[in-house]
Amino acid sequence: MNRYDLQTISLDSANKRRFYRALLDINIEKSVDDTYIVVSFGERLDSLAWKYYGNVDLWWIIAAANPELRKDSLYLDPGVQVRIPAEYRDVLQAYQKFNFL
């Protein structure tokens, strides 16, 4: 599930324009079950999401769990340690609750 699938479209009646309501990011708590990897050349957030979650759209969970990563690309710098949250379903539920979806 892509996190943008959870967004709602609102209507600004004054300007008669539709817009996506901004979503808030959540803090993903560390767990002893989380996986830590050292990134190899060419690895991307979406490919890691596929490898660990079976869904490329869940790349944002890995990005949110690693706020120190670059925000301008799905590509990762080689040699960087990345935390892969173990319970992505819990993250999705918390995200929906946090954003009142």
PDB file of N, CA and C in Angstrom:
ATOM      1  N   MET A   1       0.836  -1.178   0.000  1.00  0.00           N
ATOM      2  CA  MET A   1       0.000   0.000   0.000  1.00  0.00           C
ATOM      3  C   MET A   1       0.882   1.242   0.000  1.00  0.00           C
ATOM      4  N   ASN A   2       0.665   2.096  -0.950  1.00  0.00           N
ATOM      5  CA  ASN A   2       1.356   3.357  -1.037  1.00  0.00           C
ATOM      6  C   ASN A   2       0.751   4.313  -0.022  1.00  0.00           C
ATOM      7  N   ARG A   3       1.567   5.072   0.686  1.00  0.00           N
ATOM      8  CA  ARG A   3       1.005   5.954   1.706  1.00  0.00           C
ATOM      9  C   ARG A   3       0.109   7.022   1.103  1.00  0.00           C
ATOM     10  N   TYR A   4       0.301   7.343  -0.158  1.00  0.00           N
ATOM     11  CA  TYR A   4      -0.546   8.338  -0.803  1.00  0.00           C
ATOM     12  C   TYR A   4      -1.922   7.771  -1.132  1.00  0.00           C
ATOM     13  N   ASP A   5      -2.055   6.448  -1.133  1.00  0.00           N
ATOM     14  CA  ASP A   5      -3.370   5.843  -1.313  1.00  0.00           C
ATOM     15  C   ASP A   5      -4.279   6.164  -0.141  1.00  0.00           C
ATOM     16  N   LEU A   6      -3.695   6.510   0.989  1.00  0.00           N
ATOM     17  CA  LEU A   6      -4.454   6.783   2.198  1.00  0.00           C
ATOM     18  C   LEU A   6      -4.932   8.220   2.278  1.00  0.00           C
ATOM     19  N   GLN A   7      -4.442   9.081   1.406  1.00  0.00           N
ATOM     20  CA  GLN A   7      -4.805  10.493   1.465  1.00  0.00           C
ATOM     21  C   GLN A   7      -6.231  10.725   1.015  1.00  0.00           C
ATOM     22  N   THR A   8      -6.793  11.784   1.546  1.00  0.00           N
ATOM     23  CA  THR A   8      -8.126  12.181   1.129  1.00  0.00           C
ATOM     24  C   THR A   8      -8.027  13.476   0.328  1.00  0.00           C
ATOM     25  N   ILE A   9      -8.931  13.634  -0.608  1.00  0.00           N
ATOM     26  CA  ILE A   9      -8.981  14.858  -1.404  1.00  0.00           C
ATOM     27  C   ILE A   9     -10.014  15.772  -0.764  1.00  0.00           C
ATOM     28  N   SER A  10      -9.598  16.998  -0.514  1.00  0.00           N
ATOM     29  CA  SER A  10     -10.496  17.984   0.083  1.00  0.00           C
ATOM     30  C   SER A  10     -10.846  19.027  -0.967  1.00  0.00           C
ATOM     31  N   LEU A  11     -11.898  19.783  -0.691  1.00  0.00           N
ATOM     32  CA  LEU A  11     -12.344  20.818  -1.615  1.00  0.00           C
ATOM     33  C   LEU A  11     -12.249  22.162  -0.917  1.00  0.00           C
ATOM     34  N   ASP A  12     -11.529  23.081  -1.522  1.00  0.00           N
ATOM     35  CA  ASP A  12     -11.448  24.450  -1.033  1.00  0.00           C
ATOM     36  C   ASP A  12     -12.588  25.204  -1.709  1.00  0.00           C
ATOM     37  N   SER A  13     -13.669  25.409  -0.971  1.00  0.00           N
ATOM     38  CA  SER A  13     -14.868  25.987  -1.578  1.00  0.00           C
ATOM     39  C   SER A  13     -14.656  27.440  -2.007  1.00  0.00           C
ATOM     40  N   ALA A  14     -13.771  28.151  -1.337  1.00  0.00           N
ATOM     41  CA  ALA A  14     -13.529  29.547  -1.709  1.00  0.00           C
ATOM     42  C   ALA A  14     -12.856  29.639  -3.079  1.00  0.00           C
ATOM     43  N   ASN A  15     -11.890  28.767  -3.329  1.00  0.00           N
ATOM     44  CA  ASN A  15     -11.160  28.802  -4.601  1.00  0.00           C
ATOM     45  C   ASN A  15     -11.655  27.769  -5.593  1.00  0.00           C
ATOM     46  N   LYS A  16     -12.576  26.923  -5.163  1.00  0.00           N
ATOM     47  CA  LYS A  16     -13.131  25.853  -5.989  1.00  0.00           C
ATOM     48  C   LYS A  16     -12.033  24.963  -6.565  1.00  0.00           C
ATOM     49  N   ARG A  17     -11.091  24.609  -5.699  1.00  0.00           N
ATOM     50  CA  ARG A  17      -9.995  23.722  -6.090  1.00  0.00           C
ATOM     51  C   ARG A  17      -9.940  22.535  -5.160  1.00  0.00           C
ATOM     52  N   ARG A  18      -9.569  21.406  -5.736  1.00  0.00           N
ATOM     53  CA  ARG A  18      -9.360  20.206  -4.937  1.00  0.00           C
ATOM     54  C   ARG A  18      -7.892  20.123  -4.553  1.00  0.00           C
ATOM     55  N   PHE A  19      -7.611  19.551  -3.387  1.00  0.00           N
ATOM     56  CA  PHE A  19      -6.236  19.384  -2.950  1.00  0.00           C
ATOM     57  C   PHE A  19      -6.139  18.174  -2.035  1.00  0.00           C
ATOM     58  N   TYR A  20      -4.947  17.627  -1.963  1.00  0.00           N
ATOM     59  CA  TYR A  20      -4.686  16.543  -1.033  1.00  0.00           C
ATOM     60  C   TYR A  20      -4.405  17.140   0.343  1.00  0.00           C
ATOM     61  N   ARG A  21      -5.031  16.583   1.338  1.00  0.00           N
ATOM     62  CA  ARG A  21      -4.771  17.000   2.711  1.00  0.00           C
ATOM     63  C   ARG A  21      -3.375  16.527   3.084  1.00  0.00           C
ATOM     64  N   ALA A  22      -2.580  17.384   3.700  1.00  0.00           N
ATOM     65  CA  ALA A  22      -1.216  17.025   4.093  1.00  0.00           C
ATOM     66  C   ALA A  22      -1.251  15.928   5.157  1.00  0.00           C
ATOM     67  N   LEU A  23      -0.358  14.973   5.029  1.00  0.00           N
ATOM     68  CA  LEU A  23      -0.253  13.899   6.002  1.00  0.00           C
ATOM     69  C   LEU A  23       0.957  14.131   6.895  1.00  0.00           C
ATOM     70  N   LEU A  24       0.840  13.692   8.127  1.00  0.00           N
ATOM     71  CA  LEU A  24       1.931  13.829   9.080  1.00  0.00           C
ATOM     72  C   LEU A  24       2.732  12.545   9.123  1.00  0.00           C
ATOM     73  N   ASP A  25       4.048  12.691   9.221  1.00  0.00           N
ATOM     74  CA  ASP A  25       4.912  11.523   9.367  1.00  0.00           C
ATOM     75  C   ASP A  25       4.917  11.081  10.820  1.00  0.00           C
ATOM     76  N   ILE A  26       5.154   9.813  11.021  1.00  0.00           N
ATOM     77  CA  ILE A  26       5.198   9.266  12.369  1.00  0.00           C
ATOM     78  C   ILE A  26       6.625   8.880  12.726  1.00  0.00           C
ATOM     79  N   ASN A  27       6.857   8.762  14.010  1.00  0.00           N
ATOM     80  CA  ASN A  27       8.140   8.287  14.503  1.00  0.00           C
ATOM     81  C   ASN A  27       8.055   6.767  14.612  1.00  0.00           C
ATOM     82  N   ILE A  28       8.928   6.068  13.922  1.00  0.00           N
ATOM     83  CA  ILE A  28       8.912   4.604  13.947  1.00  0.00           C
ATOM     84  C   ILE A  28       9.879   4.128  15.022  1.00  0.00           C
ATOM     85  N   GLU A  29       9.308   3.581  16.071  1.00  0.00           N
ATOM     86  CA  GLU A  29      10.107   3.128  17.207  1.00  0.00           C
ATOM     87  C   GLU A  29      11.023   1.977  16.806  1.00  0.00           C
ATOM     88  N   LYS A  30      12.192   1.933  17.439  1.00  0.00           N
ATOM     89  CA  LYS A  30      13.123   0.835  17.188  1.00  0.00           C
ATOM     90  C   LYS A  30      12.631  -0.419  17.895  1.00  0.00           C
ATOM     91  N   SER A  31      12.963  -1.553  17.310  1.00  0.00           N
ATOM     92  CA  SER A  31      12.578  -2.846  17.858  1.00  0.00           C
ATOM     93  C   SER A  31      13.777  -3.786  17.779  1.00  0.00           C
ATOM     94  N   VAL A  32      13.816  -4.753  18.681  1.00  0.00           N
ATOM     95  CA  VAL A  32      14.903  -5.738  18.628  1.00  0.00           C
ATOM     96  C   VAL A  32      14.776  -6.622  17.399  1.00  0.00           C
ATOM     97  N   ASP A  33      13.607  -6.638  16.776  1.00  0.00           N
ATOM     98  CA  ASP A  33      13.373  -7.453  15.591  1.00  0.00           C
ATOM     99  C   ASP A  33      13.743  -6.737  14.284  1.00  0.00           C
ATOM    100  N   ASP A  34      14.078  -5.452  14.362  1.00  0.00           N
ATOM    101  CA  ASP A  34      14.459  -4.712  13.166  1.00  0.00           C
ATOM    102  C   ASP A  34      15.727  -5.316  12.555  1.00  0.00           C
ATOM    103  N   THR A  35      15.834  -5.153  11.245  1.00  0.00           N
ATOM    104  CA  THR A  35      17.011  -5.621  10.520  1.00  0.00           C
ATOM    105  C   THR A  35      17.880  -4.418  10.173  1.00  0.00           C
ATOM    106  N   TYR A  36      19.173  -4.573  10.326  1.00  0.00           N
ATOM    107  CA  TYR A  36      20.123  -3.531   9.946  1.00  0.00           C
ATOM    108  C   TYR A  36      20.986  -4.069   8.823  1.00  0.00           C
ATOM    109  N   ILE A  37      21.117  -3.272   7.769  1.00  0.00           N
ATOM    110  CA  ILE A  37      21.938  -3.683   6.635  1.00  0.00           C
ATOM    111  C   ILE A  37      22.909  -2.567   6.285  1.00  0.00           C
ATOM    112  N   VAL A  38      23.969  -2.918   5.597  1.00  0.00           N
ATOM    113  CA  VAL A  38      24.883  -1.934   5.021  1.00  0.00           C
ATOM    114  C   VAL A  38      24.607  -1.927   3.527  1.00  0.00           C
ATOM    115  N   VAL A  39      24.301  -0.762   3.020  1.00  0.00           N
ATOM    116  CA  VAL A  39      23.866  -0.603   1.634  1.00  0.00           C
ATOM    117  C   VAL A  39      24.998  -0.890   0.659  1.00  0.00           C
ATOM    118  N   SER A  40      24.682  -1.645  -0.383  1.00  0.00           N
ATOM    119  CA  SER A  40      25.609  -1.907  -1.482  1.00  0.00           C
ATOM    120  C   SER A  40      25.331  -0.933  -2.625  1.00  0.00           C
ATOM    121  N   PHE A  41      26.277  -0.809  -3.534  1.00  0.00           N
ATOM    122  CA  PHE A  41      26.121   0.083  -4.677  1.00  0.00           C
ATOM    123  C   PHE A  41      24.863  -0.291  -5.476  1.00  0.00           C
ATOM    124  N   GLY A  42      24.050   0.701  -5.805  1.00  0.00           N
ATOM    125  CA  GLY A  42      22.879   0.502  -6.640  1.00  0.00           C
ATOM    126  C   GLY A  42      21.602   0.156  -5.887  1.00  0.00           C
ATOM    127  N   GLU A  43      21.687  -0.047  -4.577  1.00  0.00           N
ATOM    128  CA  GLU A  43      20.465  -0.373  -3.836  1.00  0.00           C
ATOM    129  C   GLU A  43      19.616   0.880  -3.661  1.00  0.00           C
ATOM    130  N   ARG A  44      18.319   0.661  -3.702  1.00  0.00           N
ATOM    131  CA  ARG A  44      17.359   1.752  -3.588  1.00  0.00           C
ATOM    132  C   ARG A  44      16.350   1.416  -2.494  1.00  0.00           C
ATOM    133  N   LEU A  45      15.653   2.441  -2.032  1.00  0.00           N
ATOM    134  CA  LEU A  45      14.629   2.230  -1.009  1.00  0.00           C
ATOM    135  C   LEU A  45      13.525   1.304  -1.502  1.00  0.00           C
ATOM    136  N   ASP A  46      13.109   1.475  -2.752  1.00  0.00           N
ATOM    137  CA  ASP A  46      12.023   0.638  -3.263  1.00  0.00           C
ATOM    138  C   ASP A  46      12.457  -0.817  -3.431  1.00  0.00           C
ATOM    139  N   SER A  47      13.712  -1.045  -3.808  1.00  0.00           N
ATOM    140  CA  SER A  47      14.172  -2.432  -3.949  1.00  0.00           C
ATOM    141  C   SER A  47      14.318  -3.104  -2.585  1.00  0.00           C
ATOM    142  N   LEU A  48      14.705  -2.332  -1.564  1.00  0.00           N
ATOM    143  CA  LEU A  48      14.755  -2.890  -0.208  1.00  0.00           C
ATOM    144  C   LEU A  48      13.357  -3.198   0.304  1.00  0.00           C
ATOM    145  N   ALA A  49      12.398  -2.339  -0.018  1.00  0.00           N
ATOM    146  CA  ALA A  49      11.013  -2.592   0.384  1.00  0.00           C
ATOM    147  C   ALA A  49      10.499  -3.873  -0.269  1.00  0.00           C
ATOM    148  N   TRP A  50      10.850  -4.094  -1.508  1.00  0.00           N
ATOM    149  CA  TRP A  50      10.451  -5.332  -2.182  1.00  0.00           C
ATOM    150  C   TRP A  50      11.103  -6.543  -1.517  1.00  0.00           C
ATOM    151  N   LYS A  51      12.365  -6.420  -1.229  1.00  0.00           N
ATOM    152  CA  LYS A  51      13.115  -7.535  -0.638  1.00  0.00           C
ATOM    153  C   LYS A  51      12.583  -7.909   0.756  1.00  0.00           C
ATOM    154  N   TYR A  52      12.279  -6.924   1.573  1.00  0.00           N
ATOM    155  CA  TYR A  52      11.894  -7.196   2.958  1.00  0.00           C
ATOM    156  C   TYR A  52      10.389  -7.221   3.201  1.00  0.00           C
ATOM    157  N   TYR A  53       9.608  -6.511   2.358  1.00  0.00           N
ATOM    158  CA  TYR A  53       8.162  -6.438   2.573  1.00  0.00           C
ATOM    159  C   TYR A  53       7.353  -7.026   1.426  1.00  0.00           C
ATOM    160  N   GLY A  54       7.983  -7.264   0.276  1.00  0.00           N
ATOM    161  CA  GLY A  54       7.257  -7.774  -0.880  1.00  0.00           C
ATOM    162  C   GLY A  54       6.393  -6.737  -1.563  1.00  0.00           C
ATOM    163  N   ASN A  55       6.676  -5.440  -1.314  1.00  0.00           N
ATOM    164  CA  ASN A  55       5.870  -4.373  -1.890  1.00  0.00           C
ATOM    165  C   ASN A  55       6.745  -3.125  -2.050  1.00  0.00           C
ATOM    166  N   VAL A  56       6.994  -2.710  -3.281  1.00  0.00           N
ATOM    167  CA  VAL A  56       7.857  -1.546  -3.529  1.00  0.00           C
ATOM    168  C   VAL A  56       7.250  -0.254  -2.997  1.00  0.00           C
ATOM    169  N   ASP A  57       5.935  -0.186  -2.867  1.00  0.00           N
ATOM    170  CA  ASP A  57       5.276   1.031  -2.401  1.00  0.00           C
ATOM    171  C   ASP A  57       5.543   1.335  -0.935  1.00  0.00           C
ATOM    172  N   LEU A  58       6.113   0.401  -0.212  1.00  0.00           N
ATOM    173  CA  LEU A  58       6.380   0.609   1.217  1.00  0.00           C
ATOM    174  C   LEU A  58       7.765   1.178   1.472  1.00  0.00           C
ATOM    175  N   TRP A  59       8.416   1.725   0.446  1.00  0.00           N
ATOM    176  CA  TRP A  59       9.737   2.331   0.591  1.00  0.00           C
ATOM    177  C   TRP A  59       9.732   3.443   1.632  1.00  0.00           C
ATOM    178  N   TRP A  60       8.631   4.144   1.754  1.00  0.00           N
ATOM    179  CA  TRP A  60       8.542   5.282   2.656  1.00  0.00           C
ATOM    180  C   TRP A  60       8.689   4.876   4.123  1.00  0.00           C
ATOM    181  N   ILE A  61       8.363   3.620   4.458  1.00  0.00           N
ATOM    182  CA  ILE A  61       8.537   3.147   5.830  1.00  0.00           C
ATOM    183  C   ILE A  61      10.023   3.090   6.164  1.00  0.00           C
ATOM    184  N   ILE A  62      10.814   2.578   5.243  1.00  0.00           N
ATOM    185  CA  ILE A  62      12.261   2.511   5.459  1.00  0.00           C
ATOM    186  C   ILE A  62      12.834   3.927   5.526  1.00  0.00           C
ATOM    187  N   ALA A  63      12.359   4.813   4.661  1.00  0.00           N
ATOM    188  CA  ALA A  63      12.835   6.199   4.673  1.00  0.00           C
ATOM    189  C   ALA A  63      12.476   6.881   5.990  1.00  0.00           C
ATOM    190  N   ALA A  64      11.262   6.670   6.495  1.00  0.00           N
ATOM    191  CA  ALA A  64      10.834   7.289   7.751  1.00  0.00           C
ATOM    192  C   ALA A  64      11.614   6.745   8.938  1.00  0.00           C
ATOM    193  N   ALA A  65      12.023   5.490   8.882  1.00  0.00           N
ATOM    194  CA  ALA A  65      12.785   4.885   9.977  1.00  0.00           C
ATOM    195  C   ALA A  65      14.236   5.347   9.979  1.00  0.00           C
ATOM    196  N   ASN A  66      14.663   5.973   8.895  1.00  0.00           N
ATOM    197  CA  ASN A  66      16.050   6.427   8.756  1.00  0.00           C
ATOM    198  C   ASN A  66      16.071   7.896   8.347  1.00  0.00           C
ATOM    199  N   PRO A  67      15.740   8.802   9.271  1.00  0.00           N
ATOM    200  CA  PRO A  67      15.628  10.220   8.898  1.00  0.00           C
ATOM    201  C   PRO A  67      16.933  10.849   8.422  1.00  0.00           C
ATOM    202  N   GLU A  68      18.054  10.204   8.685  1.00  0.00           N
ATOM    203  CA  GLU A  68      19.340  10.759   8.270  1.00  0.00           C
ATOM    204  C   GLU A  68      19.647  10.506   6.798  1.00  0.00           C
ATOM    205  N   LEU A  69      18.829   9.707   6.111  1.00  0.00           N
ATOM    206  CA  LEU A  69      19.054   9.422   4.695  1.00  0.00           C
ATOM    207  C   LEU A  69      18.714  10.629   3.833  1.00  0.00           C
ATOM    208  N   ARG A  70      19.278  10.657   2.621  1.00  0.00           N
ATOM    209  CA  ARG A  70      18.956  11.701   1.651  1.00  0.00           C
ATOM    210  C   ARG A  70      17.461  11.674   1.368  1.00  0.00           C
ATOM    211  N   LYS A  71      16.888  12.811   1.162  1.00  0.00           N
ATOM    212  CA  LYS A  71      15.453  12.908   0.887  1.00  0.00           C
ATOM    213  C   LYS A  71      15.154  13.168  -0.582  1.00  0.00           C
ATOM    214  N   ASP A  72      16.185  13.303  -1.405  1.00  0.00           N
ATOM    215  CA  ASP A  72      15.970  13.695  -2.790  1.00  0.00           C
ATOM    216  C   ASP A  72      16.008  12.535  -3.775  1.00  0.00           C
ATOM    217  N   SER A  73      16.130  11.303  -3.277  1.00  0.00           N
ATOM    218  CA  SER A  73      16.283  10.179  -4.193  1.00  0.00           C
ATOM    219  C   SER A  73      15.922   8.865  -3.510  1.00  0.00           C
ATOM    220  N   LEU A  74      15.504   7.902  -4.306  1.00  0.00           N
ATOM    221  CA  LEU A  74      15.293   6.551  -3.789  1.00  0.00           C
ATOM    222  C   LEU A  74      16.618   5.814  -3.656  1.00  0.00           C
ATOM    223  N   TYR A  75      17.653   6.306  -4.360  1.00  0.00           N
ATOM    224  CA  TYR A  75      18.969   5.672  -4.303  1.00  0.00           C
ATOM    225  C   TYR A  75      19.633   5.949  -2.965  1.00  0.00           C
ATOM    226  N   LEU A  76      20.402   4.994  -2.516  1.00  0.00           N
ATOM    227  CA  LEU A  76      21.102   5.097  -1.239  1.00  0.00           C
ATOM    228  C   LEU A  76      22.606   5.133  -1.475  1.00  0.00           C
ATOM    229  N   ASP A  77      23.295   5.836  -0.618  1.00  0.00           N
ATOM    230  CA  ASP A  77      24.757   5.892  -0.725  1.00  0.00           C
ATOM    231  C   ASP A  77      25.354   4.575  -0.239  1.00  0.00           C
ATOM    232  N   PRO A  78      26.266   3.985  -0.991  1.00  0.00           N
ATOM    233  CA  PRO A  78      26.897   2.732  -0.579  1.00  0.00           C
ATOM    234  C   PRO A  78      27.629   2.899   0.758  1.00  0.00           C
ATOM    235  N   GLY A  79      27.553   1.868   1.585  1.00  0.00           N
ATOM    236  CA  GLY A  79      28.250   1.864   2.864  1.00  0.00           C
ATOM    237  C   GLY A  79      27.450   2.414   4.029  1.00  0.00           C
ATOM    238  N   VAL A  80      26.289   2.982   3.758  1.00  0.00           N
ATOM    239  CA  VAL A  80      25.447   3.539   4.808  1.00  0.00           C
ATOM    240  C   VAL A  80      24.663   2.416   5.483  1.00  0.00           C
ATOM    241  N   GLN A  81      24.535   2.489   6.809  1.00  0.00           N
ATOM    242  CA  GLN A  81      23.725   1.502   7.524  1.00  0.00           C
ATOM    243  C   GLN A  81      22.268   1.959   7.520  1.00  0.00           C
ATOM    244  N   VAL A  82      21.364   1.038   7.213  1.00  0.00           N
ATOM    245  CA  VAL A  82      19.940   1.331   7.121  1.00  0.00           C
ATOM    246  C   VAL A  82      19.168   0.369   8.021  1.00  0.00           C
ATOM    247  N   ARG A  83      18.200   0.935   8.745  1.00  0.00           N
ATOM    248  CA  ARG A  83      17.334   0.111   9.593  1.00  0.00           C
ATOM    249  C   ARG A  83      16.066  -0.237   8.821  1.00  0.00           C
ATOM    250  N   ILE A  84      15.727  -1.518   8.795  1.00  0.00           N
ATOM    251  CA  ILE A  84      14.503  -1.997   8.151  1.00  0.00           C
ATOM    252  C   ILE A  84      13.537  -2.392   9.276  1.00  0.00           C
ATOM    253  N   PRO A  85      12.481  -1.613   9.509  1.00  0.00           N
ATOM    254  CA  PRO A  85      11.539  -1.967  10.568  1.00  0.00           C
ATOM    255  C   PRO A  85      10.900  -3.334  10.301  1.00  0.00           C
ATOM    256  N   ALA A  86      10.821  -4.134  11.351  1.00  0.00           N
ATOM    257  CA  ALA A  86      10.318  -5.500  11.212  1.00  0.00           C
ATOM    258  C   ALA A  86       8.811  -5.540  11.003  1.00  0.00           C
ATOM    259  N   GLU A  87       8.088  -4.758  11.750  1.00  0.00           N
ATOM    260  CA  GLU A  87       6.621  -4.838  11.725  1.00  0.00           C
ATOM    261  C   GLU A  87       6.021  -3.698  10.903  1.00  0.00           C
ATOM    262  N   TYR A  88       6.070  -3.829   9.595  1.00  0.00           N
ATOM    263  CA  TYR A  88       5.554  -2.758   8.741  1.00  0.00           C
ATOM    264  C   TYR A  88       4.046  -2.626   8.846  1.00  0.00           C
ATOM    265  N   ARG A  89       3.349  -3.703   9.162  1.00  0.00           N
ATOM    266  CA  ARG A  89       1.885  -3.616   9.306  1.00  0.00           C
ATOM    267  C   ARG A  89       1.508  -2.717  10.484  1.00  0.00           C
ATOM    268  N   ASP A  90       2.275  -2.804  11.557  1.00  0.00           N
ATOM    269  CA  ASP A  90       2.037  -1.928  12.710  1.00  0.00           C
ATOM    270  C   ASP A  90       2.289  -0.470  12.337  1.00  0.00           C
ATOM    271  N   VAL A  91       3.300  -0.236  11.511  1.00  0.00           N
ATOM    272  CA  VAL A  91       3.601   1.120  11.056  1.00  0.00           C
ATOM    273  C   VAL A  91       2.436   1.659  10.224  1.00  0.00           C
ATOM    274  N   LEU A  92       1.900   0.848   9.332  1.00  0.00           N
ATOM    275  CA  LEU A  92       0.755   1.283   8.514  1.00  0.00           C
ATOM    276  C   LEU A  92      -0.445   1.631   9.382  1.00  0.00           C
ATOM    277  N   GLN A  93      -0.733   0.808  10.379  1.00  0.00           N
ATOM    278  CA  GLN A  93      -1.866   1.077  11.279  1.00  0.00           C
ATOM    279  C   GLN A  93      -1.647   2.360  12.074  1.00  0.00           C
ATOM    280  N   ALA A  94      -0.426   2.544  12.586  1.00  0.00           N
ATOM    281  CA  ALA A  94      -0.118   3.754  13.359  1.00  0.00           C
ATOM    282  C   ALA A  94      -0.214   4.991  12.463  1.00  0.00           C
ATOM    283  N   TYR A  95       0.239   4.869  11.221  1.00  0.00           N
ATOM    284  CA  TYR A  95       0.186   5.978  10.280  1.00  0.00           C
ATOM    285  C   TYR A  95      -1.258   6.382  10.006  1.00  0.00           C
ATOM    286  N   GLN A  96      -2.127   5.406   9.817  1.00  0.00           N
ATOM    287  CA  GLN A  96      -3.540   5.695   9.575  1.00  0.00           C
ATOM    288  C   GLN A  96      -4.184   6.344  10.802  1.00  0.00           C
ATOM    289  N   LYS A  97      -3.861   5.818  11.964  1.00  0.00           N
ATOM    290  CA  LYS A  97      -4.430   6.380  13.196  1.00  0.00           C
ATOM    291  C   LYS A  97      -3.920   7.784  13.443  1.00  0.00           C
ATOM    292  N   PHE A  98      -2.621   8.000  13.251  1.00  0.00           N
ATOM    293  CA  PHE A  98      -1.990   9.284  13.486  1.00  0.00           C
ATOM    294  C   PHE A  98      -2.563  10.359  12.557  1.00  0.00           C
ATOM    295  N   ASN A  99      -2.894   9.971  11.349  1.00  0.00           N
ATOM    296  CA  ASN A  99      -3.419  10.897  10.361  1.00  0.00           C
ATOM    297  C   ASN A  99      -4.943  10.890  10.279  1.00  0.00           C
ATOM    298  N   PHE A 100      -5.593  10.218  11.223  1.00  0.00           N
ATOM    299  CA  PHE A 100      -7.057  10.164  11.306  1.00  0.00           C
ATOM    300  C   PHE A 100      -7.684   9.676  10.007  1.00  0.00           C
ATOM    301  N   LEU A 101      -7.119   8.622   9.440  1.00  0.00           N
ATOM    302  CA  LEU A 101      -7.636   8.070   8.180  1.00  0.00           C
ATOM    303  C   LEU A 101      -8.537   6.890   8.452  1.00  0.00           C
TER     304      LEU A 101
END
